Amino acid sequence: MVAEMAKEIEISALHQFYHGLSELVGVENMVKIYQQYRGMQITIPTHLYDRKLAAQRVIYEYNGHNQQVLARKYGYSQKWVQRTLHDYQQIKGDD
């Protein structure tokens, strides 16, 4: 059904948003997004990674010398990584 609809799309008549989206992800994927979310207002989060889940990964992946690498990898500041590790050490130390 999506593939059939995508074949019939008149690209030149698309709304500017959908035109740009079709160029970004292709017509068929644009149709899937349209069908799933049409009529809804969507806010795209600034961060790709969930804060709590990224914090767990930072704690797990920290080797004592890679704060900057982890900050870049998960899209948070180095200060956030430091704070995450510090908070973890405080909790761990209180056990």
PDB file of N, CA and C in Angstrom:
ATOM      1  N   MET A   1       0.829  -1.201   0.000  1.00  0.00           N
ATOM      2  CA  MET A   1       0.000   0.000   0.000  1.00  0.00           C
ATOM      3  C   MET A   1       0.872   1.263   0.000  1.00  0.00           C
ATOM      4  N   VAL A   2       1.898   1.290   0.866  1.00  0.00           N
ATOM      5  CA  VAL A   2       2.773   2.459   0.916  1.00  0.00           C
ATOM      6  C   VAL A   2       3.504   2.621  -0.412  1.00  0.00           C
ATOM      7  N   ALA A   3       4.030   1.517  -0.934  1.00  0.00           N
ATOM      8  CA  ALA A   3       4.762   1.573  -2.199  1.00  0.00           C
ATOM      9  C   ALA A   3       3.859   2.062  -3.325  1.00  0.00           C
ATOM     10  N   GLU A   4       2.609   1.607  -3.330  1.00  0.00           N
ATOM     11  CA  GLU A   4       1.663   2.028  -4.360  1.00  0.00           C
ATOM     12  C   GLU A   4       1.383   3.523  -4.257  1.00  0.00           C
ATOM     13  N   MET A   5       1.168   3.988  -3.013  1.00  0.00           N
ATOM     14  CA  MET A   5       0.895   5.404  -2.798  1.00  0.00           C
ATOM     15  C   MET A   5       2.117   6.242  -3.198  1.00  0.00           C
ATOM     16  N   ALA A   6       3.315   5.742  -2.852  1.00  0.00           N
ATOM     17  CA  ALA A   6       4.547   6.471  -3.158  1.00  0.00           C
ATOM     18  C   ALA A   6       4.722   6.649  -4.664  1.00  0.00           C
ATOM     19  N   LYS A   7       4.306   5.649  -5.455  1.00  0.00           N
ATOM     20  CA  LYS A   7       4.432   5.724  -6.914  1.00  0.00           C
ATOM     21  C   LYS A   7       3.545   6.816  -7.498  1.00  0.00           C
ATOM     22  N   GLU A   8       2.440   7.112  -6.815  1.00  0.00           N
ATOM     23  CA  GLU A   8       1.476   8.080  -7.321  1.00  0.00           C
ATOM     24  C   GLU A   8       1.721   9.504  -6.818  1.00  0.00           C
ATOM     25  N   ILE A   9       2.712   9.690  -5.956  1.00  0.00           N
ATOM     26  CA  ILE A   9       2.994  11.006  -5.381  1.00  0.00           C
ATOM     27  C   ILE A   9       3.494  11.957  -6.462  1.00  0.00           C
ATOM     28  N   GLU A  10       2.912  13.132  -6.516  1.00  0.00           N
ATOM     29  CA  GLU A  10       3.360  14.192  -7.425  1.00  0.00           C
ATOM     30  C   GLU A  10       4.285  15.100  -6.623  1.00  0.00           C
ATOM     31  N   ILE A  11       5.582  14.850  -6.749  1.00  0.00           N
ATOM     32  CA  ILE A  11       6.600  15.542  -5.951  1.00  0.00           C
ATOM     33  C   ILE A  11       6.472  17.061  -6.049  1.00  0.00           C
ATOM     34  N   SER A  12       6.228  17.580  -7.233  1.00  0.00           N
ATOM     35  CA  SER A  12       6.193  19.033  -7.435  1.00  0.00           C
ATOM     36  C   SER A  12       5.040  19.707  -6.694  1.00  0.00           C
ATOM     37  N   ALA A  13       4.021  18.933  -6.292  1.00  0.00           N
ATOM     38  CA  ALA A  13       2.864  19.514  -5.610  1.00  0.00           C
ATOM     39  C   ALA A  13       2.913  19.299  -4.089  1.00  0.00           C
ATOM     40  N   LEU A  14       3.956  18.642  -3.593  1.00  0.00           N
ATOM     41  CA  LEU A  14       4.040  18.361  -2.153  1.00  0.00           C
ATOM     42  C   LEU A  14       4.187  19.637  -1.336  1.00  0.00           C
ATOM     43  N   HIS A  15       3.632  19.597  -0.140  1.00  0.00           N
ATOM     44  CA  HIS A  15       3.862  20.650   0.851  1.00  0.00           C
ATOM     45  C   HIS A  15       5.377  20.745   1.048  1.00  0.00           C
ATOM     46  N   GLN A  16       5.867  21.929   1.297  1.00  0.00           N
ATOM     47  CA  GLN A  16       7.304  22.161   1.440  1.00  0.00           C
ATOM     48  C   GLN A  16       7.937  21.201   2.452  1.00  0.00           C
ATOM     49  N   PHE A  17       7.259  20.981   3.570  1.00  0.00           N
ATOM     50  CA  PHE A  17       7.781  20.076   4.594  1.00  0.00           C
ATOM     51  C   PHE A  17       7.950  18.669   4.031  1.00  0.00           C
ATOM     52  N   TYR A  18       6.918  18.166   3.380  1.00  0.00           N
ATOM     53  CA  TYR A  18       6.968  16.803   2.852  1.00  0.00           C
ATOM     54  C   TYR A  18       7.926  16.683   1.669  1.00  0.00           C
ATOM     55  N   HIS A  19       8.055  17.750   0.904  1.00  0.00           N
ATOM     56  CA  HIS A  19       9.022  17.743  -0.188  1.00  0.00           C
ATOM     57  C   HIS A  19      10.433  17.573   0.371  1.00  0.00           C
ATOM     58  N   GLY A  20      10.764  18.369   1.371  1.00  0.00           N
ATOM     59  CA  GLY A  20      12.084  18.269   2.004  1.00  0.00           C
ATOM     60  C   GLY A  20      12.296  16.911   2.649  1.00  0.00           C
ATOM     61  N   LEU A  21      11.264  16.405   3.286  1.00  0.00           N
ATOM     62  CA  LEU A  21      11.354  15.095   3.928  1.00  0.00           C
ATOM     63  C   LEU A  21      11.561  13.993   2.895  1.00  0.00           C
ATOM     64  N   SER A  22      10.880  14.100   1.758  1.00  0.00           N
ATOM     65  CA  SER A  22      11.043  13.083   0.707  1.00  0.00           C
ATOM     66  C   SER A  22      12.463  13.103   0.153  1.00  0.00           C
ATOM     67  N   GLU A  23      13.062  14.274   0.057  1.00  0.00           N
ATOM     68  CA  GLU A  23      14.449  14.362  -0.401  1.00  0.00           C
ATOM     69  C   GLU A  23      15.405  13.770   0.631  1.00  0.00           C
ATOM     70  N   LEU A  24      15.050  13.913   1.887  1.00  0.00           N
ATOM     71  CA  LEU A  24      15.908  13.430   2.970  1.00  0.00           C
ATOM     72  C   LEU A  24      15.838  11.919   3.141  1.00  0.00           C
ATOM     73  N   VAL A  25      14.638  11.355   3.126  1.00  0.00           N
ATOM     74  CA  VAL A  25      14.470   9.927   3.453  1.00  0.00           C
ATOM     75  C   VAL A  25      13.893   9.098   2.310  1.00  0.00           C
ATOM     76  N   GLY A  26      13.559   9.734   1.223  1.00  0.00           N
ATOM     77  CA  GLY A  26      12.948   9.034   0.100  1.00  0.00           C
ATOM     78  C   GLY A  26      11.433   9.114   0.167  1.00  0.00           C
ATOM     79  N   VAL A  27      10.791   8.973  -0.983  1.00  0.00           N
ATOM     80  CA  VAL A  27       9.341   9.145  -1.081  1.00  0.00           C
ATOM     81  C   VAL A  27       8.596   8.085  -0.266  1.00  0.00           C
ATOM     82  N   GLU A  28       9.003   6.833  -0.367  1.00  0.00           N
ATOM     83  CA  GLU A  28       8.298   5.769   0.340  1.00  0.00           C
ATOM     84  C   GLU A  28       8.356   5.964   1.858  1.00  0.00           C
ATOM     85  N   ASN A  29       9.518   6.315   2.386  1.00  0.00           N
ATOM     86  CA  ASN A  29       9.625   6.563   3.825  1.00  0.00           C
ATOM     87  C   ASN A  29       8.878   7.824   4.236  1.00  0.00           C
ATOM     88  N   MET A  30       8.872   8.830   3.363  1.00  0.00           N
ATOM     89  CA  MET A  30       8.103  10.038   3.648  1.00  0.00           C
ATOM     90  C   MET A  30       6.620   9.693   3.778  1.00  0.00           C
ATOM     91  N   VAL A  31       6.117   8.823   2.915  1.00  0.00           N
ATOM     92  CA  VAL A  31       4.711   8.403   2.981  1.00  0.00           C
ATOM     93  C   VAL A  31       4.443   7.664   4.288  1.00  0.00           C
ATOM     94  N   LYS A  32       5.367   6.816   4.716  1.00  0.00           N
ATOM     95  CA  LYS A  32       5.205   6.102   5.998  1.00  0.00           C
ATOM     96  C   LYS A  32       5.111   7.086   7.155  1.00  0.00           C
ATOM     97  N   ILE A  33       5.999   8.082   7.139  1.00  0.00           N
ATOM     98  CA  ILE A  33       5.987   9.103   8.200  1.00  0.00           C
ATOM     99  C   ILE A  33       4.678   9.886   8.140  1.00  0.00           C
ATOM    100  N   TYR A  34       4.254  10.241   6.957  1.00  0.00           N
ATOM    101  CA  TYR A  34       2.991  10.961   6.768  1.00  0.00           C
ATOM    102  C   TYR A  34       1.821  10.156   7.335  1.00  0.00           C
ATOM    103  N   GLN A  35       1.750   8.892   6.992  1.00  0.00           N
ATOM    104  CA  GLN A  35       0.641   8.056   7.462  1.00  0.00           C
ATOM    105  C   GLN A  35       0.664   7.886   8.982  1.00  0.00           C
ATOM    106  N   GLN A  36       1.824   7.780   9.544  1.00  0.00           N
ATOM    107  CA  GLN A  36       1.946   7.567  10.989  1.00  0.00           C
ATOM    108  C   GLN A  36       1.649   8.832  11.797  1.00  0.00           C
ATOM    109  N   TYR A  37       2.108   9.991  11.309  1.00  0.00           N
ATOM    110  CA  TYR A  37       2.088  11.200  12.142  1.00  0.00           C
ATOM    111  C   TYR A  37       1.258  12.354  11.588  1.00  0.00           C
ATOM    112  N   ARG A  38       0.554  12.194  10.488  1.00  0.00           N
ATOM    113  CA  ARG A  38      -0.174  13.322   9.908  1.00  0.00           C
ATOM    114  C   ARG A  38      -1.160  13.912  10.915  1.00  0.00           C
ATOM    115  N   GLY A  39      -1.208  15.219  10.894  1.00  0.00           N
ATOM    116  CA  GLY A  39      -2.107  15.935  11.789  1.00  0.00           C
ATOM    117  C   GLY A  39      -1.547  16.170  13.186  1.00  0.00           C
ATOM    118  N   MET A  40      -0.426  15.545  13.509  1.00  0.00           N
ATOM    119  CA  MET A  40       0.158  15.692  14.847  1.00  0.00           C
ATOM    120  C   MET A  40       1.244  16.758  14.823  1.00  0.00           C
ATOM    121  N   GLN A  41       1.422  17.421  15.957  1.00  0.00           N
ATOM    122  CA  GLN A  41       2.568  18.306  16.096  1.00  0.00           C
ATOM    123  C   GLN A  41       3.666  17.480  16.753  1.00  0.00           C
ATOM    124  N   ILE A  42       4.831  17.494  16.141  1.00  0.00           N
ATOM    125  CA  ILE A  42       5.949  16.685  16.619  1.00  0.00           C
ATOM    126  C   ILE A  42       7.073  17.613  17.044  1.00  0.00           C
ATOM    127  N   THR A  43       7.626  17.353  18.206  1.00  0.00           N
ATOM    128  CA  THR A  43       8.814  18.047  18.664  1.00  0.00           C
ATOM    129  C   THR A  43       9.959  17.054  18.613  1.00  0.00           C
ATOM    130  N   ILE A  44      10.981  17.386  17.884  1.00  0.00           N
ATOM    131  CA  ILE A  44      12.143  16.520  17.756  1.00  0.00           C
ATOM    132  C   ILE A  44      13.091  16.857  18.911  1.00  0.00           C
ATOM    133  N   PRO A  45      13.415  15.871  19.754  1.00  0.00           N
ATOM    134  CA  PRO A  45      14.333  16.140  20.870  1.00  0.00           C
ATOM    135  C   PRO A  45      15.691  16.625  20.381  1.00  0.00           C
ATOM    136  N   THR A  46      16.297  17.505  21.132  1.00  0.00           N
ATOM    137  CA  THR A  46      17.614  18.029  20.808  1.00  0.00           C
ATOM    138  C   THR A  46      18.660  16.927  20.860  1.00  0.00           C
ATOM    139  N   HIS A  47      18.540  16.060  21.839  1.00  0.00           N
ATOM    140  CA  HIS A  47      19.508  14.982  22.021  1.00  0.00           C
ATOM    141  C   HIS A  47      18.999  13.694  21.389  1.00  0.00           C
ATOM    142  N   LEU A  48      19.875  13.015  20.695  1.00  0.00           N
ATOM    143  CA  LEU A  48      19.542  11.736  20.090  1.00  0.00           C
ATOM    144  C   LEU A  48      19.361  10.672  21.165  1.00  0.00           C
ATOM    145  N   TYR A  49      20.183  10.742  22.206  1.00  0.00           N
ATOM    146  CA  TYR A  49      20.167   9.732  23.260  1.00  0.00           C
ATOM    147  C   TYR A  49      19.402  10.212  24.488  1.00  0.00           C
ATOM    148  N   ASP A  50      18.636   9.314  25.077  1.00  0.00           N
ATOM    149  CA  ASP A  50      17.916   9.566  26.327  1.00  0.00           C
ATOM    150  C   ASP A  50      18.926   9.853  27.441  1.00  0.00           C
ATOM    151  N   ARG A  51      18.663  10.873  28.222  1.00  0.00           N
ATOM    152  CA  ARG A  51      19.598  11.307  29.268  1.00  0.00           C
ATOM    153  C   ARG A  51      19.926  10.192  30.256  1.00  0.00           C
ATOM    154  N   LYS A  52      18.917   9.509  30.775  1.00  0.00           N
ATOM    155  CA  LYS A  52      19.160   8.463  31.775  1.00  0.00           C
ATOM    156  C   LYS A  52      19.897   7.269  31.179  1.00  0.00           C
ATOM    157  N   LEU A  53      19.500   6.880  29.980  1.00  0.00           N
ATOM    158  CA  LEU A  53      20.152   5.738  29.338  1.00  0.00           C
ATOM    159  C   LEU A  53      21.579   6.085  28.916  1.00  0.00           C
ATOM    160  N   ALA A  54      21.793   7.316  28.461  1.00  0.00           N
ATOM    161  CA  ALA A  54      23.146   7.755  28.111  1.00  0.00           C
ATOM    162  C   ALA A  54      24.019   7.791  29.361  1.00  0.00           C
ATOM    163  N   ALA A  55      23.464   8.216  30.481  1.00  0.00           N
ATOM    164  CA  ALA A  55      24.225   8.243  31.735  1.00  0.00           C
ATOM    165  C   ALA A  55      24.669   6.836  32.126  1.00  0.00           C
ATOM    166  N   GLN A  56      23.796   5.869  31.960  1.00  0.00           N
ATOM    167  CA  GLN A  56      24.165   4.477  32.253  1.00  0.00           C
ATOM    168  C   GLN A  56      25.306   4.021  31.353  1.00  0.00           C
ATOM    169  N   ARG A  57      25.229   4.399  30.062  1.00  0.00           N
ATOM    170  CA  ARG A  57      26.286   4.008  29.117  1.00  0.00           C
ATOM    171  C   ARG A  57      27.601   4.702  29.463  1.00  0.00           C
ATOM    172  N   VAL A  58      27.539   5.977  29.857  1.00  0.00           N
ATOM    173  CA  VAL A  58      28.748   6.718  30.228  1.00  0.00           C
ATOM    174  C   VAL A  58      29.424   6.044  31.413  1.00  0.00           C
ATOM    175  N   ILE A  59      28.644   5.680  32.406  1.00  0.00           N
ATOM    176  CA  ILE A  59      29.201   5.010  33.595  1.00  0.00           C
ATOM    177  C   ILE A  59      29.847   3.689  33.198  1.00  0.00           C
ATOM    178  N   TYR A  60      29.191   2.949  32.339  1.00  0.00           N
ATOM    179  CA  TYR A  60      29.691   1.651  31.901  1.00  0.00           C
ATOM    180  C   TYR A  60      30.943   1.785  31.033  1.00  0.00           C
ATOM    181  N   GLU A  61      30.977   2.787  30.163  1.00  0.00           N
ATOM    182  CA  GLU A  61      32.055   2.926  29.192  1.00  0.00           C
ATOM    183  C   GLU A  61      33.233   3.767  29.678  1.00  0.00           C
ATOM    184  N   TYR A  62      33.075   4.432  30.810  1.00  0.00           N
ATOM    185  CA  TYR A  62      34.138   5.308  31.296  1.00  0.00           C
ATOM    186  C   TYR A  62      35.360   4.475  31.686  1.00  0.00           C
ATOM    187  N   ASN A  63      36.535   4.891  31.172  1.00  0.00           N
ATOM    188  CA  ASN A  63      37.766   4.152  31.465  1.00  0.00           C
ATOM    189  C   ASN A  63      38.763   4.968  32.276  1.00  0.00           C
ATOM    190  N   GLY A  64      38.319   6.115  32.769  1.00  0.00           N
ATOM    191  CA  GLY A  64      39.193   6.972  33.553  1.00  0.00           C
ATOM    192  C   GLY A  64      39.829   8.093  32.750  1.00  0.00           C
ATOM    193  N   HIS A  65      39.721   8.012  31.418  1.00  0.00           N
ATOM    194  CA  HIS A  65      40.396   9.002  30.577  1.00  0.00           C
ATOM    195  C   HIS A  65      39.585   9.419  29.357  1.00  0.00           C
ATOM    196  N   ASN A  66      38.334   9.048  29.262  1.00  0.00           N
ATOM    197  CA  ASN A  66      37.600   9.270  28.006  1.00  0.00           C
ATOM    198  C   ASN A  66      36.333  10.115  28.169  1.00  0.00           C
ATOM    199  N   GLN A  67      36.353  11.079  29.070  1.00  0.00           N
ATOM    200  CA  GLN A  67      35.183  11.935  29.269  1.00  0.00           C
ATOM    201  C   GLN A  67      34.810  12.695  27.997  1.00  0.00           C
ATOM    202  N   GLN A  68      35.797  13.274  27.339  1.00  0.00           N
ATOM    203  CA  GLN A  68      35.520  14.068  26.142  1.00  0.00           C
ATOM    204  C   GLN A  68      34.960  13.189  25.017  1.00  0.00           C
ATOM    205  N   VAL A  69      35.510  12.006  24.870  1.00  0.00           N
ATOM    206  CA  VAL A  69      35.031  11.074  23.842  1.00  0.00           C
ATOM    207  C   VAL A  69      33.578  10.698  24.113  1.00  0.00           C
ATOM    208  N   LEU A  70      33.260  10.403  25.370  1.00  0.00           N
ATOM    209  CA  LEU A  70      31.891  10.029  25.735  1.00  0.00           C
ATOM    210  C   LEU A  70      30.932  11.201  25.551  1.00  0.00           C
ATOM    211  N   ALA A  71      31.378  12.403  25.868  1.00  0.00           N
ATOM    212  CA  ALA A  71      30.544  13.591  25.685  1.00  0.00           C
ATOM    213  C   ALA A  71      30.192  13.753  24.205  1.00  0.00           C
ATOM    214  N   ARG A  72      31.172  13.609  23.334  1.00  0.00           N
ATOM    215  CA  ARG A  72      30.915  13.723  21.889  1.00  0.00           C
ATOM    216  C   ARG A  72      30.028  12.581  21.401  1.00  0.00           C
ATOM    217  N   LYS A  73      30.310  11.375  21.875  1.00  0.00           N
ATOM    218  CA  LYS A  73      29.562  10.202  21.415  1.00  0.00           C
ATOM    219  C   LYS A  73      28.075  10.325  21.727  1.00  0.00           C
ATOM    220  N   TYR A  74      27.741  10.775  22.927  1.00  0.00           N
ATOM    221  CA  TYR A  74      26.342  10.815  23.350  1.00  0.00           C
ATOM    222  C   TYR A  74      25.690  12.187  23.205  1.00  0.00           C
ATOM    223  N   GLY A  75      26.465  13.196  22.736  1.00  0.00           N
ATOM    224  CA  GLY A  75      25.886  14.498  22.433  1.00  0.00           C
ATOM    225  C   GLY A  75      25.584  15.361  23.646  1.00  0.00           C
ATOM    226  N   TYR A  76      26.283  15.125  24.732  1.00  0.00           N
ATOM    227  CA  TYR A  76      26.130  15.939  25.933  1.00  0.00           C
ATOM    228  C   TYR A  76      27.459  16.633  26.214  1.00  0.00           C
ATOM    229  N   SER A  77      27.443  17.607  27.096  1.00  0.00           N
ATOM    230  CA  SER A  77      28.667  18.341  27.398  1.00  0.00           C
ATOM    231  C   SER A  77      29.602  17.501  28.267  1.00  0.00           C
ATOM    232  N   GLN A  78      30.876  17.877  28.233  1.00  0.00           N
ATOM    233  CA  GLN A  78      31.843  17.191  29.085  1.00  0.00           C
ATOM    234  C   GLN A  78      31.507  17.439  30.558  1.00  0.00           C
ATOM    235  N   LYS A  79      30.981  18.605  30.856  1.00  0.00           N
ATOM    236  CA  LYS A  79      30.564  18.907  32.232  1.00  0.00           C
ATOM    237  C   LYS A  79      29.451  17.957  32.669  1.00  0.00           C
ATOM    238  N   TRP A  80      28.505  17.648  31.768  1.00  0.00           N
ATOM    239  CA  TRP A  80      27.435  16.706  32.086  1.00  0.00           C
ATOM    240  C   TRP A  80      28.017  15.314  32.370  1.00  0.00           C
ATOM    241  N   VAL A  81      28.994  14.902  31.562  1.00  0.00           N
ATOM    242  CA  VAL A  81      29.646  13.607  31.778  1.00  0.00           C
ATOM    243  C   VAL A  81      30.332  13.601  33.143  1.00  0.00           C
ATOM    244  N   GLN A  82      31.055  14.669  33.457  1.00  0.00           N
ATOM    245  CA  GLN A  82      31.728  14.763  34.761  1.00  0.00           C
ATOM    246  C   GLN A  82      30.724  14.684  35.905  1.00  0.00           C
ATOM    247  N   ARG A  83      29.631  15.408  35.771  1.00  0.00           N
ATOM    248  CA  ARG A  83      28.599  15.414  36.815  1.00  0.00           C
ATOM    249  C   ARG A  83      27.969  14.029  36.964  1.00  0.00           C
ATOM    250  N   THR A  84      27.721  13.375  35.827  1.00  0.00           N
ATOM    251  CA  THR A  84      27.151  12.026  35.845  1.00  0.00           C
ATOM    252  C   THR A  84      28.075  11.069  36.584  1.00  0.00           C
ATOM    253  N   LEU A  85      29.364  11.125  36.267  1.00  0.00           N
ATOM    254  CA  LEU A  85      30.332  10.244  36.917  1.00  0.00           C
ATOM    255  C   LEU A  85      30.481  10.586  38.392  1.00  0.00           C
ATOM    256  N   HIS A  86      30.463  11.869  38.706  1.00  0.00           N
ATOM    257  CA  HIS A  86      30.568  12.304  40.106  1.00  0.00           C
ATOM    258  C   HIS A  86      29.366  11.824  40.913  1.00  0.00           C
ATOM    259  N   ASP A  87      28.175  12.015  40.363  1.00  0.00           N
ATOM    260  CA  ASP A  87      26.961  11.571  41.050  1.00  0.00           C
ATOM    261  C   ASP A  87      26.979  10.065  41.268  1.00  0.00           C
ATOM    262  N   TYR A  88      27.445   9.329  40.280  1.00  0.00           N
ATOM    263  CA  TYR A  88      27.536   7.872  40.403  1.00  0.00           C
ATOM    264  C   TYR A  88      28.513   7.491  41.518  1.00  0.00           C
ATOM    265  N   GLN A  89      29.655   8.176  41.564  1.00  0.00           N
ATOM    266  CA  GLN A  89      30.631   7.895  42.613  1.00  0.00           C
ATOM    267  C   GLN A  89      30.066   8.201  44.009  1.00  0.00           C
ATOM    268  N   GLN A  90      29.257   9.264  44.121  1.00  0.00           N
ATOM    269  CA  GLN A  90      28.637   9.617  45.391  1.00  0.00           C
ATOM    270  C   GLN A  90      27.680   8.525  45.836  1.00  0.00           C
ATOM    271  N   ILE A  91      26.865   8.045  44.894  1.00  0.00           N
ATOM    272  CA  ILE A  91      25.906   6.982  45.215  1.00  0.00           C
ATOM    273  C   ILE A  91      26.635   5.688  45.547  1.00  0.00           C
ATOM    274  N   LYS A  92      27.607   5.360  44.727  1.00  0.00           N
ATOM    275  CA  LYS A  92      28.390   4.133  44.919  1.00  0.00           C
ATOM    276  C   LYS A  92      29.140   4.174  46.248  1.00  0.00           C
ATOM    277  N   GLY A  93      29.645   5.346  46.604  1.00  0.00           N
ATOM    278  CA  GLY A  93      30.390   5.503  47.849  1.00  0.00           C
ATOM    279  C   GLY A  93      29.516   5.413  49.084  1.00  0.00           C
ATOM    280  N   ASP A  94      28.204   5.702  48.933  1.00  0.00           N
ATOM    281  CA  ASP A  94      27.290   5.684  50.071  1.00  0.00           C
ATOM    282  C   ASP A  94      26.798   4.280  50.398  1.00  0.00           C
ATOM    283  N   ASP A  95      27.089   3.289  49.530  1.00  0.00           N
ATOM    284  CA  ASP A  95      26.625   1.925  49.786  1.00  0.00           C
ATOM    285  C   ASP A  95      27.300   1.302  50.971  1.00  0.00           C
TER     286      ASP A  95
END
